C-alpha atoms as a PDB file:
ATOM      1  CA  MET A   1     -17.790 -98.590 -66.235  1.00  0.00           C
ATOM      2  CA  VAL A   2     -14.187 -98.911 -65.084  1.00  0.00           C
ATOM      3  CA  GLU A   3     -11.425-101.404 -65.754  1.00  0.00           C
ATOM      4  CA  VAL A   4      -9.942-103.333 -62.844  1.00  0.00           C
ATOM      5  CA  LYS A   5      -6.985-105.508 -63.777  1.00  0.00           C
ATOM      6  CA  GLY A   6      -8.200-105.576 -67.356  1.00  0.00           C
ATOM      7  CA  GLN A   7     -11.756-106.568 -66.421  1.00  0.00           C
ATOM      8  CA  ARG A   8     -14.894-104.448 -66.583  1.00  0.00           C
ATOM      9  CA  ARG A   9     -16.418-103.303 -63.304  1.00  0.00           C
ATOM     10  CA  PHE A  10     -19.543-101.242 -62.778  1.00  0.00           C
ATOM     11  CA  THR A  11     -20.249 -98.568 -60.197  1.00  0.00           C
ATOM     12  CA  ILE A  12     -23.331 -98.923 -58.013  1.00  0.00           C
ATOM     13  CA  GLY A  13     -25.060 -96.202 -60.022  1.00  0.00           C
ATOM     14  CA  GLU A  14     -24.344 -97.967 -63.316  1.00  0.00           C
ATOM     15  CA  VAL A  15     -25.684-101.278 -62.017  1.00  0.00           C
ATOM     16  CA  ALA A  16     -28.768 -99.555 -60.606  1.00  0.00           C
ATOM     17  CA  GLU A  17     -29.473 -97.834 -63.910  1.00  0.00           C
ATOM     18  CA  ARG A  18     -28.866-100.906 -66.074  1.00  0.00           C
ATOM     19  CA  ALA A  19     -30.812-103.251 -63.780  1.00  0.00           C
ATOM     20  CA  GLY A  20     -33.675-100.836 -63.100  1.00  0.00           C
ATOM     21  CA  VAL A  21     -33.351-100.825 -59.310  1.00  0.00           C
ATOM     22  CA  ALA A  22     -32.485 -98.248 -56.693  1.00  0.00           C
ATOM     23  CA  THR A  23     -28.974 -98.141 -55.282  1.00  0.00           C
ATOM     24  CA  SER A  24     -30.525 -98.855 -51.880  1.00  0.00           C
ATOM     25  CA  ALA A  25     -31.847-102.153 -53.281  1.00  0.00           C
ATOM     26  CA  LEU A  26     -28.345-103.107 -54.376  1.00  0.00           C
ATOM     27  CA  ARG A  27     -27.005-102.339 -50.899  1.00  0.00           C
ATOM     28  CA  PHE A  28     -29.830-104.408 -49.407  1.00  0.00           C
ATOM     29  CA  TYR A  29     -29.109-107.341 -51.737  1.00  0.00           C
ATOM     30  CA  GLU A  30     -25.429-107.144 -50.869  1.00  0.00           C
ATOM     31  CA  GLU A  31     -26.129-106.918 -47.133  1.00  0.00           C
ATOM     32  CA  HIS A  32     -28.180-110.117 -47.432  1.00  0.00           C
ATOM     33  CA  GLY A  33     -25.528-111.951 -49.458  1.00  0.00           C
ATOM     34  CA  LEU A  34     -27.461-112.033 -52.733  1.00  0.00           C
ATOM     35  CA  ILE A  35     -24.796-110.109 -54.653  1.00  0.00           C
ATOM     36  CA  GLN A  36     -21.174-109.159 -54.043  1.00  0.00           C
ATOM     37  CA  SER A  37     -19.050-106.137 -54.781  1.00  0.00           C
ATOM     38  CA  GLU A  38     -15.416-105.272 -54.563  1.00  0.00           C
ATOM     39  CA  ARG A  39     -14.170-102.042 -53.022  1.00  0.00           C
ATOM     40  CA  ASN A  40     -11.729 -99.726 -54.719  1.00  0.00           C
ATOM     41  CA  GLU A  41      -9.024 -97.746 -52.899  1.00  0.00           C
ATOM     42  CA  SER A  42     -11.603 -95.081 -51.977  1.00  0.00           C
ATOM     43  CA  GLY A  43     -14.006 -97.686 -50.587  1.00  0.00           C
ATOM     44  CA  HIS A  44     -16.503 -97.355 -53.442  1.00  0.00           C
ATOM     45  CA  ARG A  45     -18.337-100.440 -54.599  1.00  0.00           C
ATOM     46  CA  ARG A  46     -17.403-101.998 -57.928  1.00  0.00           C
ATOM     47  CA  TYR A  47     -19.470-104.799 -59.406  1.00  0.00           C
ATOM     48  CA  HIS A  48     -18.474-107.610 -61.731  1.00  0.00           C
ATOM     49  CA  PRO A  49     -20.690-107.735 -64.872  1.00  0.00           C
ATOM     50  CA  ASP A  50     -22.385-110.979 -63.761  1.00  0.00           C
ATOM     51  CA  VAL A  51     -24.124-109.033 -60.982  1.00  0.00           C
ATOM     52  CA  LEU A  52     -26.475-107.620 -63.632  1.00  0.00           C
ATOM     53  CA  ARG A  53     -27.821-111.111 -64.335  1.00  0.00           C
ATOM     54  CA  ARG A  54     -28.113-111.840 -60.615  1.00  0.00           C
ATOM     55  CA  VAL A  55     -30.056-108.633 -59.955  1.00  0.00           C
ATOM     56  CA  SER A  56     -32.341-109.350 -62.909  1.00  0.00           C
ATOM     57  CA  PHE A  57     -32.899-112.848 -61.549  1.00  0.00           C
ATOM     58  CA  ILE A  58     -33.758-111.420 -58.103  1.00  0.00           C
ATOM     59  CA  ARG A  59     -36.222-108.939 -59.596  1.00  0.00           C
ATOM     60  CA  ILE A  60     -38.022-111.565 -61.671  1.00  0.00           C
ATOM     61  CA  ALA A  61     -38.124-114.049 -58.791  1.00  0.00           C
ATOM     62  CA  GLN A  62     -39.637-111.430 -56.490  1.00  0.00           C
ATOM     63  CA  ARG A  63     -42.123-110.409 -59.137  1.00  0.00           C
ATOM     64  CA  VAL A  64     -43.497-113.947 -59.390  1.00  0.00           C
ATOM     65  CA  GLY A  65     -43.837-114.112 -55.617  1.00  0.00           C
ATOM     66  CA  LEU A  66     -40.732-115.962 -54.488  1.00  0.00           C
ATOM     67  CA  SER A  67     -39.230-114.989 -51.166  1.00  0.00           C
ATOM     68  CA  LEU A  68     -35.753-113.557 -50.719  1.00  0.00           C
ATOM     69  CA  ALA A  69     -34.883-116.719 -48.782  1.00  0.00           C
ATOM     70  CA  GLU A  70     -35.775-118.818 -51.843  1.00  0.00           C
ATOM     71  CA  VAL A  71     -33.773-116.468 -54.043  1.00  0.00           C
ATOM     72  CA  ALA A  72     -30.780-116.612 -51.697  1.00  0.00           C
ATOM     73  CA  GLU A  73     -30.895-120.410 -51.652  1.00  0.00           C
ATOM     74  CA  ALA A  74     -30.951-120.529 -55.433  1.00  0.00           C
ATOM     75  CA  LEU A  75     -28.149-118.010 -55.846  1.00  0.00           C
ATOM     76  CA  ALA A  76     -26.053-119.916 -53.299  1.00  0.00           C
ATOM     77  CA  SER A  77     -25.922-122.765 -55.797  1.00  0.00           C
ATOM     78  CA  LEU A  78     -24.072-120.532 -58.277  1.00  0.00           C
ATOM     79  CA  PRO A  79     -20.313-119.995 -58.139  1.00  0.00           C
ATOM     80  CA  ASP A  80     -19.132-117.040 -56.025  1.00  0.00           C
ATOM     81  CA  ARG A  81     -15.977-115.976 -57.756  1.00  0.00           C
ATOM     82  CA  ARG A  82     -16.653-116.695 -61.407  1.00  0.00           C
ATOM     83  CA  THR A  83     -19.337-115.787 -63.876  1.00  0.00           C
ATOM     84  CA  PRO A  84     -21.957-118.540 -63.924  1.00  0.00           C
ATOM     85  CA  THR A  85     -22.031-120.550 -67.121  1.00  0.00           C
ATOM     86  CA  SER A  86     -25.141-121.444 -69.066  1.00  0.00           C
ATOM     87  CA  LYS A  87     -24.900-124.908 -67.444  1.00  0.00           C
ATOM     88  CA  ASP A  88     -24.947-123.280 -63.986  1.00  0.00           C
ATOM     89  CA  TRP A  89     -28.087-121.303 -64.881  1.00  0.00           C
ATOM     90  CA  ALA A  90     -29.712-124.351 -66.482  1.00  0.00           C
ATOM     91  CA  LYS A  91     -29.151-126.390 -63.316  1.00  0.00           C
ATOM     92  CA  LEU A  92     -30.701-123.634 -61.210  1.00  0.00           C
ATOM     93  CA  ALA A  93     -33.643-123.398 -63.614  1.00  0.00           C
ATOM     94  CA  ARG A  94     -34.301-127.147 -63.321  1.00  0.00           C
ATOM     95  CA  THR A  95     -34.431-126.942 -59.541  1.00  0.00           C
ATOM     96  CA  TRP A  96     -36.995-124.129 -59.775  1.00  0.00           C
ATOM     97  CA  GLN A  97     -39.257-125.817 -62.304  1.00  0.00           C
ATOM     98  CA  PRO A  98     -41.568-127.457 -59.708  1.00  0.00           C
ATOM     99  CA  ARG A  99     -41.829-124.223 -57.695  1.00  0.00           C
ATOM    100  CA  LEU A 100     -42.649-122.189 -60.786  1.00  0.00           C
ATOM    101  CA  ASP A 101     -45.174-124.780 -61.974  1.00  0.00           C
ATOM    102  CA  GLU A 102     -46.881-124.546 -58.578  1.00  0.00           C
ATOM    103  CA  GLN A 103     -46.912-120.755 -58.787  1.00  0.00           C
ATOM    104  CA  ILE A 104     -48.416-120.882 -62.288  1.00  0.00           C
ATOM    105  CA  ALA A 105     -51.137-123.279 -61.090  1.00  0.00           C
ATOM    106  CA  ILE A 106     -52.016-120.985 -58.179  1.00  0.00           C
ATOM    107  CA  LEU A 107     -52.156-117.926 -60.424  1.00  0.00           C
ATOM    108  CA  THR A 108     -54.332-119.778 -62.914  1.00  0.00           C
ATOM    109  CA  ARG A 109     -56.758-120.818 -60.167  1.00  0.00           C
ATOM    110  CA  LEU A 110     -56.752-117.269 -58.822  1.00  0.00           C
ATOM    111  CA  ARG A 111     -57.614-115.908 -62.255  1.00  0.00           C
ATOM    112  CA  ASP A 112     -60.354-118.475 -62.795  1.00  0.00           C
ATOM    113  CA  GLU A 113     -61.896-118.617 -59.308  1.00  0.00           C
ATOM    114  CA  LEU A 114     -61.410-115.259 -57.635  1.00  0.00           C
ATOM    115  CA  ASP A 115     -64.984-114.208 -58.323  1.00  0.00           C
ATOM    116  CA  GLY A 116     -66.269-117.369 -56.623  1.00  0.00           C
ATOM    117  CA  CYS A 117     -65.396-119.144 -53.427  1.00  0.00           C
ATOM    118  CA  ILE A 118     -61.692-119.504 -52.740  1.00  0.00           C
ATOM    119  CA  GLY A 119     -62.242-121.562 -49.604  1.00  0.00           C
ATOM    120  CA  CYS A 120     -61.289-118.899 -47.077  1.00  0.00           C
ATOM    121  CA  GLY A 121     -64.004-119.907 -44.653  1.00  0.00           C
ATOM    122  CA  CYS A 122     -65.580-116.448 -44.479  1.00  0.00           C
ATOM    123  CA  LEU A 123     -69.092-117.715 -45.318  1.00  0.00           C
ATOM    124  CA  SER A 124     -69.998-114.177 -46.376  1.00  0.00           C
ATOM    125  CA  LEU A 125     -70.791-114.696 -50.046  1.00  0.00           C
ATOM    126  CA  SER A 126     -74.228-115.965 -50.896  1.00  0.00           C
ATOM    127  CA  SER A 127     -72.533-118.729 -52.878  1.00  0.00           C
ATOM    128  CA  CYS A 128     -70.590-119.963 -49.835  1.00  0.00           C
ATOM    129  CA  GLY A 129     -73.611-122.018 -48.937  1.00  0.00           C
ATOM    130  CA  LEU A 130     -73.039-123.861 -52.201  1.00  0.00           C
ATOM    131  CA  TRP A 131     -69.238-123.846 -52.396  1.00  0.00           C
ATOM    132  CA  ASN A 132     -68.411-124.101 -48.713  1.00  0.00           C
ATOM    133  CA  PRO A 133     -71.447-125.481 -46.875  1.00  0.00           C
ATOM    134  CA  ASP A 134     -71.031-125.644 -43.105  1.00  0.00           C
ATOM    135  CA  ASP A 135     -67.519-124.183 -43.525  1.00  0.00           C
ATOM    136  CA  ALA A 136     -66.149-127.453 -44.919  1.00  0.00           C
ATOM    137  CA  ALA A 137     -63.065-125.572 -46.163  1.00  0.00           C
ATOM    138  CA  ALA A 138     -61.938-125.263 -42.549  1.00  0.00           C
ATOM    139  CA  THR A 139     -61.216-128.999 -42.468  1.00  0.00           C
ATOM    140  CA  LEU A 140     -58.509-128.422 -45.117  1.00  0.00           C
ATOM    141  CA  GLY A 141     -56.601-125.856 -43.067  1.00  0.00           C
ATOM    142  CA  THR A 142     -56.331-122.105 -42.826  1.00  0.00           C
ATOM    143  CA  GLY A 143     -56.465-119.486 -45.533  1.00  0.00           C
ATOM    144  CA  PRO A 144     -57.713-119.795 -49.116  1.00  0.00           C
ATOM    145  CA  ARG A 145     -57.749-123.591 -49.229  1.00  0.00           C
ATOM    146  CA  TYR A 146     -59.588-124.062 -52.529  1.00  0.00           C
ATOM    147  CA  LEU A 147     -57.218-121.673 -54.236  1.00  0.00           C
ATOM    148  CA  LEU A 148     -54.081-123.275 -52.792  1.00  0.00           C
ATOM    149  CA  SER A 149     -55.018-126.846 -53.659  1.00  0.00           C
ATOM    150  CA  ASP A 150     -57.234-128.819 -55.990  1.00  0.00           C
ATOM    151  CA  GLU A 151     -58.773-130.576 -53.014  1.00  0.00           C
ATOM    152  CA  ARG A 152     -62.381-129.879 -52.130  1.00  0.00           C
ATOM    153  CA  PRO A 153     -64.160-131.426 -49.141  1.00  0.00           C
END
């Protein structure tokens, strides 16, 4: 950790170690506008302490299956040049509540129904004749329709 104008700044290696990511991930996140760094006189990256929270947020969001585009959109709602306040994070959390609720519902259905028919239309399980007779799941769209919605034909 270094001091820049009386404020703490972290090197890329320090952020990587504290956040549990590779330095290449930090460069990738920066290249895609998810985090920002400052450059010192030698051109080395220096990160404001709030980047640790942002990187942690990115990691958790990815782990629950959110795309980097969704993460970028959420982070864009936070202030660029100041540390986000608890109100800033609370506002972001409220906007994500429906998306997270949907993700939880899908994961719950996956846990509960993966051994049965998920409505993929494969008709290969012996139970598909019961769960998906005449490939009725196809009328709901592509992919695992029963898993992605509560709707059954």
